[in-house]
């Protein structure tokens, strides 16, 4: 189930075949509002699978994007694996105190 919108500055693609999200561009409150329910459905559909989230193409993230990541951490039995984490995203995760909810991999 693709979850993105090329007319905006950012989005999330949920892989319909596996527990994997690709976040790109500016992942903000508008993105959360637009795709939140679809991502919740994807998490439910892949409930027992570990989730991997690619952040390599994220240029900006705010509390809305952080909330999507937190939602994933709450929904999964194992910590989501974040790949390609840009320094600005890692800084936000650490400042928010939620970096320990994820496995950081590259």
PDB file of N, CA and C in Angstrom:
ATOM      1  N   UNK A   1       0.839  -1.166   0.000  1.00  0.00           N
ATOM      2  CA  UNK A   1       0.000   0.000   0.000  1.00  0.00           C
ATOM      3  C   UNK A   1       0.887   1.232   0.000  1.00  0.00           C
ATOM      4  N   UNK A   2       1.081   1.873  -1.127  1.00  0.00           N
ATOM      5  CA  UNK A   2       1.902   3.073  -1.149  1.00  0.00           C
ATOM      6  C   UNK A   2       1.211   4.187  -0.368  1.00  0.00           C
ATOM      7  N   UNK A   3       1.993   4.857   0.427  1.00  0.00           N
ATOM      8  CA  UNK A   3       1.456   5.945   1.215  1.00  0.00           C
ATOM      9  C   UNK A   3       2.356   7.151   0.977  1.00  0.00           C
ATOM     10  N   UNK A   4       2.121   7.880  -0.093  1.00  0.00           N
ATOM     11  CA  UNK A   4       2.884   9.087  -0.335  1.00  0.00           C
ATOM     12  C   UNK A   4       2.125   9.971  -1.305  1.00  0.00           C
ATOM     13  N   UNK A   5       2.585  11.179  -1.460  1.00  0.00           N
ATOM     14  CA  UNK A   5       1.914  12.144  -2.304  1.00  0.00           C
ATOM     15  C   UNK A   5       2.988  13.020  -2.931  1.00  0.00           C
ATOM     16  N   UNK A   6       3.230  12.848  -4.201  1.00  0.00           N
ATOM     17  CA  UNK A   6       4.303  13.555  -4.878  1.00  0.00           C
ATOM     18  C   UNK A   6       4.066  15.061  -4.950  1.00  0.00           C
ATOM     19  N   UNK A   7       2.873  15.549  -4.652  1.00  0.00           N
ATOM     20  CA  UNK A   7       2.585  16.971  -4.725  1.00  0.00           C
ATOM     21  C   UNK A   7       3.033  17.707  -3.462  1.00  0.00           C
ATOM     22  N   UNK A   8       3.464  17.010  -2.459  1.00  0.00           N
ATOM     23  CA  UNK A   8       3.909  17.643  -1.231  1.00  0.00           C
ATOM     24  C   UNK A   8       5.422  17.578  -1.144  1.00  0.00           C
ATOM     25  N   UNK A   9       5.942  18.092  -0.064  1.00  0.00           N
ATOM     26  CA  UNK A   9       7.382  18.159   0.109  1.00  0.00           C
ATOM     27  C   UNK A   9       7.975  16.966   0.832  1.00  0.00           C
ATOM     28  N   UNK A  10       7.135  16.020   1.203  1.00  0.00           N
ATOM     29  CA  UNK A  10       7.627  14.851   1.905  1.00  0.00           C
ATOM     30  C   UNK A  10       6.548  13.796   2.010  1.00  0.00           C
ATOM     31  N   UNK A  11       6.935  12.625   2.472  1.00  0.00           N
ATOM     32  CA  UNK A  11       5.953  11.556   2.594  1.00  0.00           C
ATOM     33  C   UNK A  11       6.561  10.292   3.155  1.00  0.00           C
ATOM     34  N   UNK A  12       5.730   9.273   3.154  1.00  0.00           N
ATOM     35  CA  UNK A  12       6.132   7.953   3.635  1.00  0.00           C
ATOM     36  C   UNK A  12       5.567   6.930   2.668  1.00  0.00           C
ATOM     37  N   UNK A  13       6.393   5.995   2.271  1.00  0.00           N
ATOM     38  CA  UNK A  13       5.936   4.866   1.453  1.00  0.00           C
ATOM     39  C   UNK A  13       6.006   3.624   2.334  1.00  0.00           C
ATOM     40  N   UNK A  14       4.869   2.955   2.499  1.00  0.00           N
ATOM     41  CA  UNK A  14       4.814   1.695   3.239  1.00  0.00           C
ATOM     42  C   UNK A  14       4.826   0.563   2.222  1.00  0.00           C
ATOM     43  N   UNK A  15       5.821  -0.300   2.318  1.00  0.00           N
ATOM     44  CA  UNK A  15       5.967  -1.415   1.387  1.00  0.00           C
ATOM     45  C   UNK A  15       4.828  -2.412   1.604  1.00  0.00           C
ATOM     46  N   UNK A  16       4.045  -2.702   0.571  1.00  0.00           N
ATOM     47  CA  UNK A  16       2.916  -3.612   0.745  1.00  0.00           C
ATOM     48  C   UNK A  16       3.329  -5.071   0.961  1.00  0.00           C
ATOM     49  N   UNK A  17       4.575  -5.408   0.683  1.00  0.00           N
ATOM     50  CA  UNK A  17       5.040  -6.790   0.780  1.00  0.00           C
ATOM     51  C   UNK A  17       5.736  -7.130   2.088  1.00  0.00           C
ATOM     52  N   UNK A  18       6.100  -6.099   2.848  1.00  0.00           N
ATOM     53  CA  UNK A  18       6.868  -6.366   4.070  1.00  0.00           C
ATOM     54  C   UNK A  18       6.756  -5.185   5.024  1.00  0.00           C
ATOM     55  N   UNK A  19       7.286  -5.339   6.214  1.00  0.00           N
ATOM     56  CA  UNK A  19       7.261  -4.293   7.232  1.00  0.00           C
ATOM     57  C   UNK A  19       8.419  -3.329   6.990  1.00  0.00           C
ATOM     58  N   UNK A  20       8.224  -2.435   6.065  1.00  0.00           N
ATOM     59  CA  UNK A  20       9.268  -1.467   5.711  1.00  0.00           C
ATOM     60  C   UNK A  20       8.621  -0.158   5.293  1.00  0.00           C
ATOM     61  N   UNK A  21       9.121   0.938   5.853  1.00  0.00           N
ATOM     62  CA  UNK A  21       8.705   2.279   5.444  1.00  0.00           C
ATOM     63  C   UNK A  21       9.901   3.011   4.875  1.00  0.00           C
ATOM     64  N   UNK A  22       9.645   3.840   3.880  1.00  0.00           N
ATOM     65  CA  UNK A  22      10.646   4.768   3.382  1.00  0.00           C
ATOM     66  C   UNK A  22      10.094   6.171   3.579  1.00  0.00           C
ATOM     67  N   UNK A  23      10.782   6.946   4.393  1.00  0.00           N
ATOM     68  CA  UNK A  23      10.397   8.338   4.608  1.00  0.00           C
ATOM     69  C   UNK A  23      11.279   9.209   3.721  1.00  0.00           C
ATOM     70  N   UNK A  24      10.704  10.303   3.218  1.00  0.00           N
ATOM     71  CA  UNK A  24      11.474  11.169   2.324  1.00  0.00           C
ATOM     72  C   UNK A  24      11.031  12.625   2.487  1.00  0.00           C
ATOM     73  N   UNK A  25      11.947  13.515   2.159  1.00  0.00           N
ATOM     74  CA  UNK A  25      11.645  14.947   2.174  1.00  0.00           C
ATOM     75  C   UNK A  25      11.340  15.468   3.561  1.00  0.00           C
ATOM     76  N   UNK A  26      10.382  16.388   3.626  1.00  0.00           N
ATOM     77  CA  UNK A  26       9.989  17.018   4.881  1.00  0.00           C
ATOM     78  C   UNK A  26       8.867  16.210   5.530  1.00  0.00           C
ATOM     79  N   UNK A  27       9.212  15.475   6.555  1.00  0.00           N
ATOM     80  CA  UNK A  27       8.241  14.630   7.259  1.00  0.00           C
ATOM     81  C   UNK A  27       7.757  15.440   8.459  1.00  0.00           C
ATOM     82  N   UNK A  28       6.584  16.036   8.289  1.00  0.00           N
ATOM     83  CA  UNK A  28       6.076  16.962   9.290  1.00  0.00           C
ATOM     84  C   UNK A  28       4.648  16.616   9.691  1.00  0.00           C
ATOM     85  N   UNK A  29       4.013  17.518  10.410  1.00  0.00           N
ATOM     86  CA  UNK A  29       2.652  17.282  10.889  1.00  0.00           C
ATOM     87  C   UNK A  29       1.670  17.069   9.747  1.00  0.00           C
ATOM     88  N   UNK A  30       1.874  17.747   8.628  1.00  0.00           N
ATOM     89  CA  UNK A  30       0.979  17.559   7.480  1.00  0.00           C
ATOM     90  C   UNK A  30       1.086  16.143   6.925  1.00  0.00           C
ATOM     91  N   UNK A  31       2.293  15.606   6.881  1.00  0.00           N
ATOM     92  CA  UNK A  31       2.491  14.222   6.429  1.00  0.00           C
ATOM     93  C   UNK A  31       1.822  13.278   7.421  1.00  0.00           C
ATOM     94  N   UNK A  32       2.016  13.507   8.713  1.00  0.00           N
ATOM     95  CA  UNK A  32       1.390  12.648   9.717  1.00  0.00           C
ATOM     96  C   UNK A  32      -0.121  12.646   9.564  1.00  0.00           C
ATOM     97  N   UNK A  33      -0.688  13.809   9.382  1.00  0.00           N
ATOM     98  CA  UNK A  33      -2.137  13.906   9.233  1.00  0.00           C
ATOM     99  C   UNK A  33      -2.614  13.151   7.991  1.00  0.00           C
ATOM    100  N   UNK A  34      -1.854  13.248   6.915  1.00  0.00           N
ATOM    101  CA  UNK A  34      -2.247  12.635   5.652  1.00  0.00           C
ATOM    102  C   UNK A  34      -2.106  11.117   5.646  1.00  0.00           C
ATOM    103  N   UNK A  35      -1.056  10.589   6.286  1.00  0.00           N
ATOM    104  CA  UNK A  35      -0.773   9.153   6.164  1.00  0.00           C
ATOM    105  C   UNK A  35      -0.873   8.366   7.463  1.00  0.00           C
ATOM    106  N   UNK A  36      -1.145   9.028   8.562  1.00  0.00           N
ATOM    107  CA  UNK A  36      -1.145   8.361   9.865  1.00  0.00           C
ATOM    108  C   UNK A  36      -2.014   7.119   9.929  1.00  0.00           C
ATOM    109  N   UNK A  37      -3.262   7.226   9.477  1.00  0.00           N
ATOM    110  CA  UNK A  37      -4.171   6.071   9.552  1.00  0.00           C
ATOM    111  C   UNK A  37      -3.710   4.928   8.660  1.00  0.00           C
ATOM    112  N   UNK A  38      -3.190   5.255   7.498  1.00  0.00           N
ATOM    113  CA  UNK A  38      -2.707   4.205   6.589  1.00  0.00           C
ATOM    114  C   UNK A  38      -1.479   3.500   7.171  1.00  0.00           C
ATOM    115  N   UNK A  39      -0.616   4.263   7.833  1.00  0.00           N
ATOM    116  CA  UNK A  39       0.555   3.640   8.450  1.00  0.00           C
ATOM    117  C   UNK A  39       0.143   2.774   9.633  1.00  0.00           C
ATOM    118  N   UNK A  40      -0.862   3.191  10.389  1.00  0.00           N
ATOM    119  CA  UNK A  40      -1.376   2.350  11.473  1.00  0.00           C
ATOM    120  C   UNK A  40      -1.908   1.030  10.920  1.00  0.00           C
ATOM    121  N   UNK A  41      -2.601   1.090   9.793  1.00  0.00           N
ATOM    122  CA  UNK A  41      -3.108  -0.132   9.160  1.00  0.00           C
ATOM    123  C   UNK A  41      -1.956  -1.020   8.705  1.00  0.00           C
ATOM    124  N   UNK A  42      -0.901  -0.420   8.175  1.00  0.00           N
ATOM    125  CA  UNK A  42       0.273  -1.181   7.743  1.00  0.00           C
ATOM    126  C   UNK A  42       0.937  -1.855   8.939  1.00  0.00           C
ATOM    127  N   UNK A  43       1.040  -1.137  10.058  1.00  0.00           N
ATOM    128  CA  UNK A  43       1.611  -1.727  11.269  1.00  0.00           C
ATOM    129  C   UNK A  43       0.783  -2.911  11.740  1.00  0.00           C
ATOM    130  N   UNK A  44      -0.531  -2.788  11.683  1.00  0.00           N
ATOM    131  CA  UNK A  44      -1.415  -3.883  12.097  1.00  0.00           C
ATOM    132  C   UNK A  44      -1.274  -5.078  11.158  1.00  0.00           C
ATOM    133  N   UNK A  45      -1.149  -4.812   9.871  1.00  0.00           N
ATOM    134  CA  UNK A  45      -1.047  -5.883   8.880  1.00  0.00           C
ATOM    135  C   UNK A  45       0.281  -6.640   8.980  1.00  0.00           C
ATOM    136  N   UNK A  46       1.304  -5.988   9.507  1.00  0.00           N
ATOM    137  CA  UNK A  46       2.630  -6.600   9.636  1.00  0.00           C
ATOM    138  C   UNK A  46       3.002  -6.766  11.113  1.00  0.00           C
ATOM    139  N   UNK A  47       2.009  -6.999  11.938  1.00  0.00           N
ATOM    140  CA  UNK A  47       2.130  -6.934  13.401  1.00  0.00           C
ATOM    141  C   UNK A  47       3.339  -7.651  13.981  1.00  0.00           C
ATOM    142  N   UNK A  48       3.610  -8.867  13.556  1.00  0.00           N
ATOM    143  CA  UNK A  48       4.686  -9.641  14.168  1.00  0.00           C
ATOM    144  C   UNK A  48       6.031  -9.494  13.459  1.00  0.00           C
ATOM    145  N   UNK A  49       6.047  -8.780  12.354  1.00  0.00           N
ATOM    146  CA  UNK A  49       7.292  -8.582  11.608  1.00  0.00           C
ATOM    147  C   UNK A  49       8.054  -7.382  12.151  1.00  0.00           C
ATOM    148  N   UNK A  50       9.369  -7.495  12.264  1.00  0.00           N
ATOM    149  CA  UNK A  50      10.155  -6.325  12.655  1.00  0.00           C
ATOM    150  C   UNK A  50      10.054  -5.251  11.559  1.00  0.00           C
ATOM    151  N   UNK A  51       9.919  -4.003  11.970  1.00  0.00           N
ATOM    152  CA  UNK A  51       9.802  -2.899  11.033  1.00  0.00           C
ATOM    153  C   UNK A  51      11.159  -2.258  10.789  1.00  0.00           C
ATOM    154  N   UNK A  52      11.452  -1.985   9.528  1.00  0.00           N
ATOM    155  CA  UNK A  52      12.624  -1.220   9.146  1.00  0.00           C
ATOM    156  C   UNK A  52      12.132   0.084   8.531  1.00  0.00           C
ATOM    157  N   UNK A  53      12.770   1.193   8.903  1.00  0.00           N
ATOM    158  CA  UNK A  53      12.399   2.499   8.368  1.00  0.00           C
ATOM    159  C   UNK A  53      13.643   3.142   7.774  1.00  0.00           C
ATOM    160  N   UNK A  54      13.589   3.424   6.470  1.00  0.00           N
ATOM    161  CA  UNK A  54      14.681   4.121   5.802  1.00  0.00           C
ATOM    162  C   UNK A  54      14.449   5.624   5.921  1.00  0.00           C
ATOM    163  N   UNK A  55      15.436   6.317   6.460  1.00  0.00           N
ATOM    164  CA  UNK A  55      15.353   7.766   6.650  1.00  0.00           C
ATOM    165  C   UNK A  55      16.383   8.513   5.812  1.00  0.00           C
ATOM    166  N   UNK A  56      17.077   7.827   4.932  1.00  0.00           N
ATOM    167  CA  UNK A  56      18.180   8.422   4.180  1.00  0.00           C
ATOM    168  C   UNK A  56      17.776   9.645   3.362  1.00  0.00           C
ATOM    169  N   UNK A  57      16.521   9.699   2.910  1.00  0.00           N
ATOM    170  CA  UNK A  57      16.089  10.808   2.066  1.00  0.00           C
ATOM    171  C   UNK A  57      15.279  11.859   2.821  1.00  0.00           C
ATOM    172  N   UNK A  58      15.317  11.818   4.147  1.00  0.00           N
ATOM    173  CA  UNK A  58      14.610  12.815   4.953  1.00  0.00           C
ATOM    174  C   UNK A  58      15.465  14.083   5.028  1.00  0.00           C
ATOM    175  N   UNK A  59      14.858  15.208   4.658  1.00  0.00           N
ATOM    176  CA  UNK A  59      15.553  16.492   4.718  1.00  0.00           C
ATOM    177  C   UNK A  59      15.148  17.313   5.930  1.00  0.00           C
ATOM    178  N   UNK A  60      13.997  16.981   6.516  1.00  0.00           N
ATOM    179  CA  UNK A  60      13.476  17.707   7.680  1.00  0.00           C
ATOM    180  C   UNK A  60      12.490  16.796   8.390  1.00  0.00           C
ATOM    181  N   UNK A  61      12.478  16.865   9.710  1.00  0.00           N
ATOM    182  CA  UNK A  61      11.481  16.120  10.480  1.00  0.00           C
ATOM    183  C   UNK A  61      11.101  16.974  11.682  1.00  0.00           C
ATOM    184  N   UNK A  62       9.818  16.994  12.003  1.00  0.00           N
ATOM    185  CA  UNK A  62       9.367  17.715  13.189  1.00  0.00           C
ATOM    186  C   UNK A  62       8.608  16.757  14.090  1.00  0.00           C
ATOM    187  N   UNK A  63       7.849  17.300  15.025  1.00  0.00           N
ATOM    188  CA  UNK A  63       7.151  16.451  15.979  1.00  0.00           C
ATOM    189  C   UNK A  63       6.140  15.524  15.308  1.00  0.00           C
ATOM    190  N   UNK A  64       5.579  15.924  14.164  1.00  0.00           N
ATOM    191  CA  UNK A  64       4.656  15.051  13.434  1.00  0.00           C
ATOM    192  C   UNK A  64       5.360  13.812  12.911  1.00  0.00           C
ATOM    193  N   UNK A  65       6.532  13.993  12.325  1.00  0.00           N
ATOM    194  CA  UNK A  65       7.318  12.861  11.851  1.00  0.00           C
ATOM    195  C   UNK A  65       7.816  12.010  12.992  1.00  0.00           C
ATOM    196  N   UNK A  66       8.220  12.673  14.074  1.00  0.00           N
ATOM    197  CA  UNK A  66       8.658  11.950  15.260  1.00  0.00           C
ATOM    198  C   UNK A  66       7.522  11.111  15.823  1.00  0.00           C
ATOM    199  N   UNK A  67       6.317  11.636  15.782  1.00  0.00           N
ATOM    200  CA  UNK A  67       5.149  10.895  16.277  1.00  0.00           C
ATOM    201  C   UNK A  67       4.916   9.629  15.445  1.00  0.00           C
ATOM    202  N   UNK A  68       5.137   9.694  14.127  1.00  0.00           N
ATOM    203  CA  UNK A  68       4.994   8.501  13.290  1.00  0.00           C
ATOM    204  C   UNK A  68       5.999   7.428  13.706  1.00  0.00           C
ATOM    205  N   UNK A  69       7.229   7.835  13.975  1.00  0.00           N
ATOM    206  CA  UNK A  69       8.241   6.876  14.415  1.00  0.00           C
ATOM    207  C   UNK A  69       7.877   6.297  15.776  1.00  0.00           C
ATOM    208  N   UNK A  70       7.392   7.144  16.669  1.00  0.00           N
ATOM    209  CA  UNK A  70       6.984   6.679  17.992  1.00  0.00           C
ATOM    210  C   UNK A  70       5.816   5.699  17.890  1.00  0.00           C
ATOM    211  N   UNK A  71       4.884   5.988  17.000  1.00  0.00           N
ATOM    212  CA  UNK A  71       3.752   5.092  16.752  1.00  0.00           C
ATOM    213  C   UNK A  71       4.258   3.702  16.365  1.00  0.00           C
ATOM    214  N   UNK A  72       5.267   3.670  15.501  1.00  0.00           N
ATOM    215  CA  UNK A  72       5.846   2.389  15.084  1.00  0.00           C
ATOM    216  C   UNK A  72       6.480   1.667  16.267  1.00  0.00           C
ATOM    217  N   UNK A  73       7.185   2.416  17.115  1.00  0.00           N
ATOM    218  CA  UNK A  73       7.836   1.802  18.276  1.00  0.00           C
ATOM    219  C   UNK A  73       6.804   1.232  19.245  1.00  0.00           C
ATOM    220  N   UNK A  74       5.677   1.917  19.399  1.00  0.00           N
ATOM    221  CA  UNK A  74       4.618   1.431  20.287  1.00  0.00           C
ATOM    222  C   UNK A  74       3.934   0.182  19.740  1.00  0.00           C
ATOM    223  N   UNK A  75       3.812   0.092  18.428  1.00  0.00           N
ATOM    224  CA  UNK A  75       3.013  -0.961  17.800  1.00  0.00           C
ATOM    225  C   UNK A  75       3.756  -2.279  17.617  1.00  0.00           C
ATOM    226  N   UNK A  76       5.054  -2.248  17.618  1.00  0.00           N
ATOM    227  CA  UNK A  76       5.837  -3.437  17.302  1.00  0.00           C
ATOM    228  C   UNK A  76       6.389  -4.110  18.559  1.00  0.00           C
ATOM    229  N   UNK A  77       6.486  -5.448  18.539  1.00  0.00           N
ATOM    230  CA  UNK A  77       7.039  -6.152  19.700  1.00  0.00           C
ATOM    231  C   UNK A  77       8.552  -5.977  19.837  1.00  0.00           C
ATOM    232  N   UNK A  78       9.213  -5.609  18.750  1.00  0.00           N
ATOM    233  CA  UNK A  78      10.654  -5.360  18.776  1.00  0.00           C
ATOM    234  C   UNK A  78      10.895  -3.932  18.301  1.00  0.00           C
ATOM    235  N   UNK A  79      11.990  -3.317  18.722  1.00  0.00           N
ATOM    236  CA  UNK A  79      12.259  -1.939  18.305  1.00  0.00           C
ATOM    237  C   UNK A  79      12.427  -1.831  16.783  1.00  0.00           C
ATOM    238  N   UNK A  80      11.802  -0.827  16.174  1.00  0.00           N
ATOM    239  CA  UNK A  80      12.015  -0.612  14.740  1.00  0.00           C
ATOM    240  C   UNK A  80      13.490  -0.311  14.457  1.00  0.00           C
ATOM    241  N   UNK A  81      13.948  -0.765  13.304  1.00  0.00           N
ATOM    242  CA  UNK A  81      15.321  -0.513  12.872  1.00  0.00           C
ATOM    243  C   UNK A  81      15.295   0.696  11.941  1.00  0.00           C
ATOM    244  N   UNK A  82      16.054   1.730  12.291  1.00  0.00           N
ATOM    245  CA  UNK A  82      16.140   2.935  11.473  1.00  0.00           C
ATOM    246  C   UNK A  82      17.446   2.890  10.692  1.00  0.00           C
ATOM    247  N   UNK A  83      17.342   3.054   9.374  1.00  0.00           N
ATOM    248  CA  UNK A  83      18.535   3.030   8.519  1.00  0.00           C
ATOM    249  C   UNK A  83      18.727   4.395   7.871  1.00  0.00           C
ATOM    250  N   UNK A  84      19.981   4.702   7.554  1.00  0.00           N
ATOM    251  CA  UNK A  84      20.294   5.949   6.860  1.00  0.00           C
ATOM    252  C   UNK A  84      19.861   7.185   7.624  1.00  0.00           C
ATOM    253  N   UNK A  85      20.012   7.170   8.935  1.00  0.00           N
ATOM    254  CA  UNK A  85      19.515   8.266   9.769  1.00  0.00           C
ATOM    255  C   UNK A  85      20.404   9.505   9.611  1.00  0.00           C
ATOM    256  N   UNK A  86      19.856  10.586   9.042  1.00  0.00           N
ATOM    257  CA  UNK A  86      20.634  11.827   8.936  1.00  0.00           C
ATOM    258  C   UNK A  86      20.929  12.398  10.330  1.00  0.00           C
ATOM    259  N   UNK A  87      22.012  13.131  10.460  1.00  0.00           N
ATOM    260  CA  UNK A  87      22.398  13.704  11.746  1.00  0.00           C
ATOM    261  C   UNK A  87      21.277  14.536  12.357  1.00  0.00           C
ATOM    262  N   UNK A  88      20.559  15.324  11.545  1.00  0.00           N
ATOM    263  CA  UNK A  88      19.501  16.199  12.086  1.00  0.00           C
ATOM    264  C   UNK A  88      18.360  15.369  12.678  1.00  0.00           C
ATOM    265  N   UNK A  89      18.091  14.196  12.107  1.00  0.00           N
ATOM    266  CA  UNK A  89      17.052  13.319  12.654  1.00  0.00           C
ATOM    267  C   UNK A  89      17.556  12.658  13.928  1.00  0.00           C
ATOM    268  N   UNK A  90      18.792  12.208  13.913  1.00  0.00           N
ATOM    269  CA  UNK A  90      19.379  11.598  15.110  1.00  0.00           C
ATOM    270  C   UNK A  90      19.387  12.595  16.261  1.00  0.00           C
ATOM    271  N   UNK A  91      19.734  13.849  15.965  1.00  0.00           N
ATOM    272  CA  UNK A  91      19.729  14.886  17.004  1.00  0.00           C
ATOM    273  C   UNK A  91      18.335  15.035  17.615  1.00  0.00           C
ATOM    274  N   UNK A  92      17.295  15.058  16.791  1.00  0.00           N
ATOM    275  CA  UNK A  92      15.926  15.194  17.288  1.00  0.00           C
ATOM    276  C   UNK A  92      15.530  13.981  18.135  1.00  0.00           C
ATOM    277  N   UNK A  93      15.890  12.793  17.683  1.00  0.00           N
ATOM    278  CA  UNK A  93      15.588  11.590  18.457  1.00  0.00           C
ATOM    279  C   UNK A  93      16.247  11.650  19.834  1.00  0.00           C
ATOM    280  N   UNK A  94      17.503  12.089  19.872  1.00  0.00           N
ATOM    281  CA  UNK A  94      18.227  12.173  21.140  1.00  0.00           C
ATOM    282  C   UNK A  94      17.666  13.280  22.028  1.00  0.00           C
ATOM    283  N   UNK A  95      17.408  14.452  21.453  1.00  0.00           N
ATOM    284  CA  UNK A  95      16.854  15.562  22.225  1.00  0.00           C
ATOM    285  C   UNK A  95      15.486  15.222  22.804  1.00  0.00           C
ATOM    286  N   UNK A  96      14.727  14.425  22.075  1.00  0.00           N
ATOM    287  CA  UNK A  96      13.393  14.018  22.524  1.00  0.00           C
ATOM    288  C   UNK A  96      13.446  12.849  23.497  1.00  0.00           C
ATOM    289  N   UNK A  97      14.611  12.232  23.626  1.00  0.00           N
ATOM    290  CA  UNK A  97      14.768  11.117  24.554  1.00  0.00           C
ATOM    291  C   UNK A  97      14.160   9.814  24.070  1.00  0.00           C
ATOM    292  N   UNK A  98      13.933   9.690  22.760  1.00  0.00           N
ATOM    293  CA  UNK A  98      13.315   8.467  22.244  1.00  0.00           C
ATOM    294  C   UNK A  98      14.282   7.625  21.408  1.00  0.00           C
ATOM    295  N   UNK A  99      15.527   8.027  21.301  1.00  0.00           N
ATOM    296  CA  UNK A  99      16.488   7.285  20.493  1.00  0.00           C
ATOM    297  C   UNK A  99      16.637   5.839  20.959  1.00  0.00           C
ATOM    298  N   UNK A 100      16.417   5.585  22.246  1.00  0.00           N
ATOM    299  CA  UNK A 100      16.567   4.233  22.776  1.00  0.00           C
ATOM    300  C   UNK A 100      15.404   3.313  22.400  1.00  0.00           C
ATOM    301  N   UNK A 101      14.357   3.876  21.807  1.00  0.00           N
ATOM    302  CA  UNK A 101      13.227   3.060  21.358  1.00  0.00           C
ATOM    303  C   UNK A 101      13.491   2.385  20.023  1.00  0.00           C
ATOM    304  N   UNK A 102      14.628   2.701  19.399  1.00  0.00           N
ATOM    305  CA  UNK A 102      14.943   2.229  18.052  1.00  0.00           C
ATOM    306  C   UNK A 102      16.317   1.587  18.002  1.00  0.00           C
ATOM    307  N   UNK A 103      16.509   0.753  16.984  1.00  0.00           N
ATOM    308  CA  UNK A 103      17.830   0.241  16.661  1.00  0.00           C
ATOM    309  C   UNK A 103      18.321   1.111  15.504  1.00  0.00           C
ATOM    310  N   UNK A 104      19.481   1.725  15.686  1.00  0.00           N
ATOM    311  CA  UNK A 104      20.045   2.575  14.650  1.00  0.00           C
ATOM    312  C   UNK A 104      21.063   1.776  13.860  1.00  0.00           C
ATOM    313  N   UNK A 105      20.819   1.646  12.571  1.00  0.00           N
ATOM    314  CA  UNK A 105      21.690   0.827  11.723  1.00  0.00           C
ATOM    315  C   UNK A 105      22.052   1.598  10.463  1.00  0.00           C
ATOM    316  N   UNK A 106      23.158   1.259   9.898  1.00  0.00           N
ATOM    317  CA  UNK A 106      23.562   1.798   8.605  1.00  0.00           C
ATOM    318  C   UNK A 106      24.261   0.732   7.895  1.00  0.00           C
TER     319      UNK A 106
END
